[in-house]
Amino acid sequence: MAFLSEDRRSESGVVSPETDAAGIYSRLRARPGEREARDPFTAHVFACALAIGLAETLAEGRDLGPALGMGRKELRRLVAAWAPEAERYVDFEGEPESVALDEEEDQIRQLLERYRGDPSDETSWIAAIVTKRSMSPRHLWQDLGLGARDELGRLMGERFPGLAARNFNQMKWKKFFYRSLCELEGFVLCSSPTCRECGDFHDCFGDESGESALARLGRPGPRDN
């Protein structure tokens, strides 16, 4: 196990501000650097993903890289570039050198790579994180630690604009990924002639409101001011 912070959990079992998602997020954004000043939204996205990933894996005694779909080298570079305060939580030498994807994850990663808007490291890291977090059980925006679905829509529009443009009906993102994969393979996802006539309409397009994983801080947002 690769964490330095196991001893920060209280003996009573209560999660401390040091190890819950909101407390970690607050620490990661406590010392804004030059990159955050230039691109506060990207800094916010990475802080959210790292905070939710760290909170989960600290509680479960697991490595961070697999929770975010990133091997040791990529994780170290991400932290150094966008969230150096996260170094206090992670022993990078104990992180796995690489993270294997199963068939389902590999297909989603390929879909994101196909529609990526730029060749930057940041977009590659976001693709890895979105892929892995798509396997978690909540709404995707919650599994990424974001404050609301609107933030996920902005993220997809900025990093994967071609894919975001295709989701003009605002289908739930996880459902949309699978629908897109089926279309690329030439499959028909369902037999209903239109979505509006489908009995499972709510399952694909229903409400995605809910509480952020970082709710203790209210609704965290990018520091645009």
Protein backbone atom coordinates (compact mmCIF):
# COMPACT_ATOMS: atom_id res chain seq x y z
CA MET A 1 0.00 0.00 0.00
CA ALA A 2 1.35 3.38 -1.03
CA PHE A 3 -0.05 5.94 1.40
CA LEU A 4 1.84 7.95 3.98
CA SER A 5 -1.25 9.05 5.88
CA GLU A 6 -2.86 5.97 7.45
CA ASP A 7 -2.11 7.28 10.94
CA ARG A 8 -4.16 10.42 10.29
CA ARG A 9 -7.42 8.55 10.84
CA SER A 10 -8.64 8.98 14.40
CA GLU A 11 -8.61 5.99 16.76
CA SER A 12 -12.39 6.31 17.10
CA GLY A 13 -12.77 5.54 13.39
CA VAL A 14 -14.17 9.01 12.62
CA VAL A 15 -12.77 10.42 9.40
CA SER A 16 -10.74 13.54 10.09
CA PRO A 17 -10.51 16.68 7.92
CA GLU A 18 -7.08 15.36 6.94
CA THR A 19 -8.56 12.36 5.16
CA ASP A 20 -12.10 13.18 4.04
CA ALA A 21 -12.66 14.43 0.51
CA ALA A 22 -13.58 17.98 1.47
CA GLY A 23 -10.60 18.39 3.77
CA ILE A 24 -8.22 17.03 1.15
CA TYR A 25 -9.70 19.28 -1.53
CA SER A 26 -9.21 22.28 0.74
CA ARG A 27 -5.56 21.38 1.30
CA LEU A 28 -4.88 20.81 -2.38
CA ARG A 29 -6.17 24.29 -3.23
CA ALA A 30 -4.66 26.08 -0.27
CA ARG A 31 -1.59 27.31 -2.16
CA PRO A 32 -2.62 28.26 -5.69
CA GLY A 33 0.26 28.31 -8.14
CA GLU A 34 0.90 29.77 -11.56
CA ARG A 35 -0.93 26.99 -13.39
CA GLU A 36 -4.04 27.48 -11.28
CA ALA A 37 -3.97 31.20 -12.00
CA ARG A 38 -3.86 30.46 -15.74
CA ASP A 39 -6.46 27.69 -15.73
CA PRO A 40 -8.48 27.59 -12.50
CA PHE A 41 -11.08 25.17 -13.86
CA THR A 42 -8.54 22.48 -14.75
CA ALA A 43 -6.94 22.93 -11.33
CA HIS A 44 -10.36 22.47 -9.75
CA VAL A 45 -11.07 19.30 -11.77
CA PHE A 46 -7.78 17.67 -10.79
CA ALA A 47 -8.17 18.69 -7.14
CA CYS A 48 -11.66 17.16 -7.08
CA ALA A 49 -10.53 13.89 -8.67
CA LEU A 50 -7.51 13.59 -6.39
CA ALA A 51 -9.56 14.45 -3.32
CA ILE A 52 -12.28 11.86 -3.97
CA GLY A 53 -9.69 9.26 -5.01
CA LEU A 54 -7.56 9.86 -1.93
CA ALA A 55 -10.54 9.83 0.43
CA GLU A 56 -11.72 6.48 -0.93
CA THR A 57 -8.36 4.80 -1.05
CA LEU A 58 -7.16 6.09 2.31
CA ALA A 59 -10.30 4.66 3.89
CA GLU A 60 -9.86 1.31 2.12
CA GLY A 61 -6.07 0.98 2.27
CA ARG A 62 -5.68 0.89 -1.52
CA ASP A 63 -3.32 2.60 -3.96
CA LEU A 64 -4.38 5.85 -5.59
CA GLY A 65 -3.22 5.18 -9.16
CA PRO A 66 -5.68 2.36 -9.93
CA ALA A 67 -8.56 4.46 -8.56
CA LEU A 68 -7.73 7.15 -11.13
CA GLY A 69 -6.56 4.92 -13.95
CA MET A 70 -2.99 6.22 -13.78
CA GLY A 71 0.39 4.55 -13.41
CA ARG A 72 3.12 5.85 -11.13
CA LYS A 73 4.84 8.12 -13.65
CA GLU A 74 1.67 9.84 -14.86
CA LEU A 75 0.33 10.23 -11.33
CA ARG A 76 3.57 11.79 -10.14
CA ARG A 77 3.59 14.23 -13.07
CA LEU A 78 -0.03 15.21 -12.49
CA VAL A 79 0.53 15.88 -8.82
CA ALA A 80 3.73 17.83 -9.42
CA ALA A 81 2.10 20.00 -12.06
CA TRP A 82 -1.32 20.69 -10.57
CA ALA A 83 -1.56 19.61 -6.92
CA PRO A 84 1.86 19.43 -5.21
CA GLU A 85 0.16 19.41 -1.81
CA ALA A 86 -1.03 15.87 -2.64
CA GLU A 87 2.56 14.63 -2.27
CA ARG A 88 2.04 14.56 1.49
CA TYR A 89 -0.52 11.76 1.06
CA VAL A 90 1.21 9.44 -1.39
CA ASP A 91 4.35 7.30 -1.47
CA PHE A 92 4.86 7.24 -5.22
CA GLU A 93 7.42 4.44 -5.08
CA GLY A 94 4.72 2.19 -3.70
CA GLU A 95 2.27 3.00 -6.49
CA PRO A 96 1.96 0.48 -9.34
CA GLU A 97 4.09 1.25 -12.37
CA SER A 98 1.11 0.83 -14.69
CA VAL A 99 -2.64 0.25 -14.48
CA ALA A 100 -4.29 -2.40 -16.64
CA LEU A 101 -7.70 -1.72 -18.17
CA ASP A 102 -10.33 -4.36 -18.70
CA GLU A 103 -12.16 -4.58 -22.03
CA GLU A 104 -14.95 -2.22 -21.01
CA GLU A 105 -12.55 0.39 -19.66
CA ASP A 106 -10.34 0.11 -22.71
CA GLN A 107 -13.29 0.82 -25.00
CA ILE A 108 -14.28 3.94 -23.08
CA ARG A 109 -10.69 5.16 -23.04
CA GLN A 110 -10.46 4.68 -26.82
CA LEU A 111 -13.73 6.58 -27.26
CA LEU A 112 -12.40 9.53 -25.29
CA GLU A 113 -9.08 9.47 -27.11
CA ARG A 114 -10.90 9.47 -30.44
CA TYR A 115 -12.67 12.72 -29.58
CA ARG A 116 -10.00 14.50 -27.55
CA GLY A 117 -9.67 18.15 -28.46
CA ASP A 118 -5.93 18.50 -27.96
CA PRO A 119 -2.79 16.39 -27.47
CA SER A 120 -1.90 17.81 -24.04
CA ASP A 121 -0.88 15.75 -21.03
CA GLU A 122 -3.80 17.24 -19.14
CA THR A 123 -6.36 15.86 -21.58
CA SER A 124 -4.67 12.46 -21.49
CA TRP A 125 -4.81 12.45 -17.69
CA ILE A 126 -8.45 13.52 -17.72
CA ALA A 127 -9.29 10.74 -20.18
CA ALA A 128 -7.66 8.21 -17.85
CA ILE A 129 -9.52 9.54 -14.82
CA VAL A 130 -12.91 9.75 -16.54
CA THR A 131 -12.47 6.21 -17.87
CA LYS A 132 -11.74 4.69 -14.49
CA ARG A 133 -14.32 6.74 -12.58
CA SER A 134 -16.98 5.70 -15.11
CA MET A 135 -16.83 2.29 -13.45
CA SER A 136 -17.98 3.68 -10.08
CA PRO A 137 -21.64 3.50 -9.01
CA ARG A 138 -22.81 7.13 -8.71
CA HIS A 139 -23.45 9.79 -11.32
CA LEU A 140 -20.20 10.43 -13.17
CA TRP A 141 -19.92 14.01 -11.91
CA GLN A 142 -20.12 12.68 -8.35
CA ASP A 143 -17.56 9.94 -9.01
CA LEU A 144 -15.19 12.64 -10.28
CA GLY A 145 -15.71 14.65 -7.09
CA LEU A 146 -17.22 17.59 -9.01
CA GLY A 147 -19.79 19.98 -7.61
CA ALA A 148 -22.55 19.41 -10.17
CA ARG A 149 -23.34 17.89 -13.57
CA ASP A 150 -22.80 21.31 -15.20
CA GLU A 151 -19.11 21.09 -14.32
CA LEU A 152 -18.87 17.73 -16.06
CA GLY A 153 -20.56 19.20 -19.12
CA ARG A 154 -18.00 22.00 -19.17
CA LEU A 155 -15.14 19.54 -18.77
CA MET A 156 -16.35 17.36 -21.64
CA GLY A 157 -16.92 20.38 -23.84
CA GLU A 158 -13.42 21.70 -23.24
CA ARG A 159 -11.49 18.44 -23.46
CA PHE A 160 -13.64 16.26 -25.77
CA PRO A 161 -15.64 18.79 -27.77
CA GLY A 162 -16.67 16.47 -30.60
CA LEU A 163 -18.10 13.94 -28.16
CA ALA A 164 -19.80 16.60 -26.07
CA ALA A 165 -21.45 18.05 -29.17
CA ARG A 166 -23.01 14.68 -29.93
CA ASN A 167 -24.66 14.58 -26.51
CA PHE A 168 -26.99 17.45 -27.41
CA ASN A 169 -29.96 15.78 -25.67
CA GLN A 170 -28.11 15.76 -22.35
CA MET A 171 -28.15 12.00 -21.89
CA LYS A 172 -26.50 10.82 -18.70
CA TRP A 173 -22.80 10.62 -19.50
CA LYS A 174 -22.25 6.99 -18.57
CA LYS A 175 -25.25 5.97 -20.66
CA PHE A 176 -24.00 8.17 -23.49
CA PHE A 177 -20.57 6.54 -23.49
CA TYR A 178 -22.13 3.10 -23.93
CA ARG A 179 -24.54 4.32 -26.57
CA SER A 180 -21.64 5.85 -28.50
CA LEU A 181 -19.66 2.63 -28.29
CA CYS A 182 -22.60 0.64 -29.62
CA GLU A 183 -23.03 3.05 -32.52
CA LEU A 184 -19.35 2.85 -33.40
CA GLU A 185 -19.65 -0.94 -33.51
CA GLY A 186 -22.79 -0.76 -35.65
CA PHE A 187 -25.11 -2.08 -32.96
CA VAL A 188 -28.60 -0.84 -32.12
CA LEU A 189 -28.68 -0.02 -28.42
CA CYS A 190 -32.43 -0.41 -27.99
CA SER A 191 -35.53 -1.25 -29.98
CA SER A 192 -37.57 1.87 -29.20
CA PRO A 193 -38.01 4.11 -32.28
CA THR A 194 -37.27 7.28 -30.29
CA CYS A 195 -35.99 7.98 -26.81
CA ARG A 196 -39.22 9.77 -25.89
CA GLU A 197 -41.18 6.61 -26.59
CA CYS A 198 -38.88 4.42 -24.51
CA GLY A 199 -40.04 3.06 -21.18
CA ASP A 200 -36.52 3.47 -19.81
CA PHE A 201 -36.34 7.17 -20.68
CA HIS A 202 -35.73 8.24 -17.09
CA ASP A 203 -32.86 5.77 -16.76
CA CYS A 204 -31.01 7.52 -19.58
CA PHE A 205 -32.18 11.12 -19.20
CA GLY A 206 -33.49 11.43 -15.65
CA ASP A 207 -32.46 13.85 -12.96
CA GLU A 208 -28.78 13.84 -12.02
CA SER A 209 -28.94 16.18 -9.08
CA GLY A 210 -27.54 15.14 -5.74
CA GLU A 211 -24.95 15.99 -3.16
CA SER A 212 -21.35 16.47 -4.14
CA ALA A 213 -18.80 14.22 -2.50
CA LEU A 214 -17.20 17.46 -1.35
CA ALA A 215 -20.43 18.76 0.16
CA ARG A 216 -18.83 19.70 3.48
CA LEU A 217 -17.30 22.66 1.67
CA GLY A 218 -20.62 23.55 0.08
CA ARG A 219 -20.25 23.45 -3.67
CA PRO A 220 -16.59 23.77 -4.64
CA GLY A 221 -15.94 25.64 -7.83
CA PRO A 222 -13.14 26.97 -9.98
CA ARG A 223 -11.57 30.15 -8.75
CA ASP A 224 -12.24 32.37 -11.72
CA ASN A 225 -11.93 35.64 -9.83
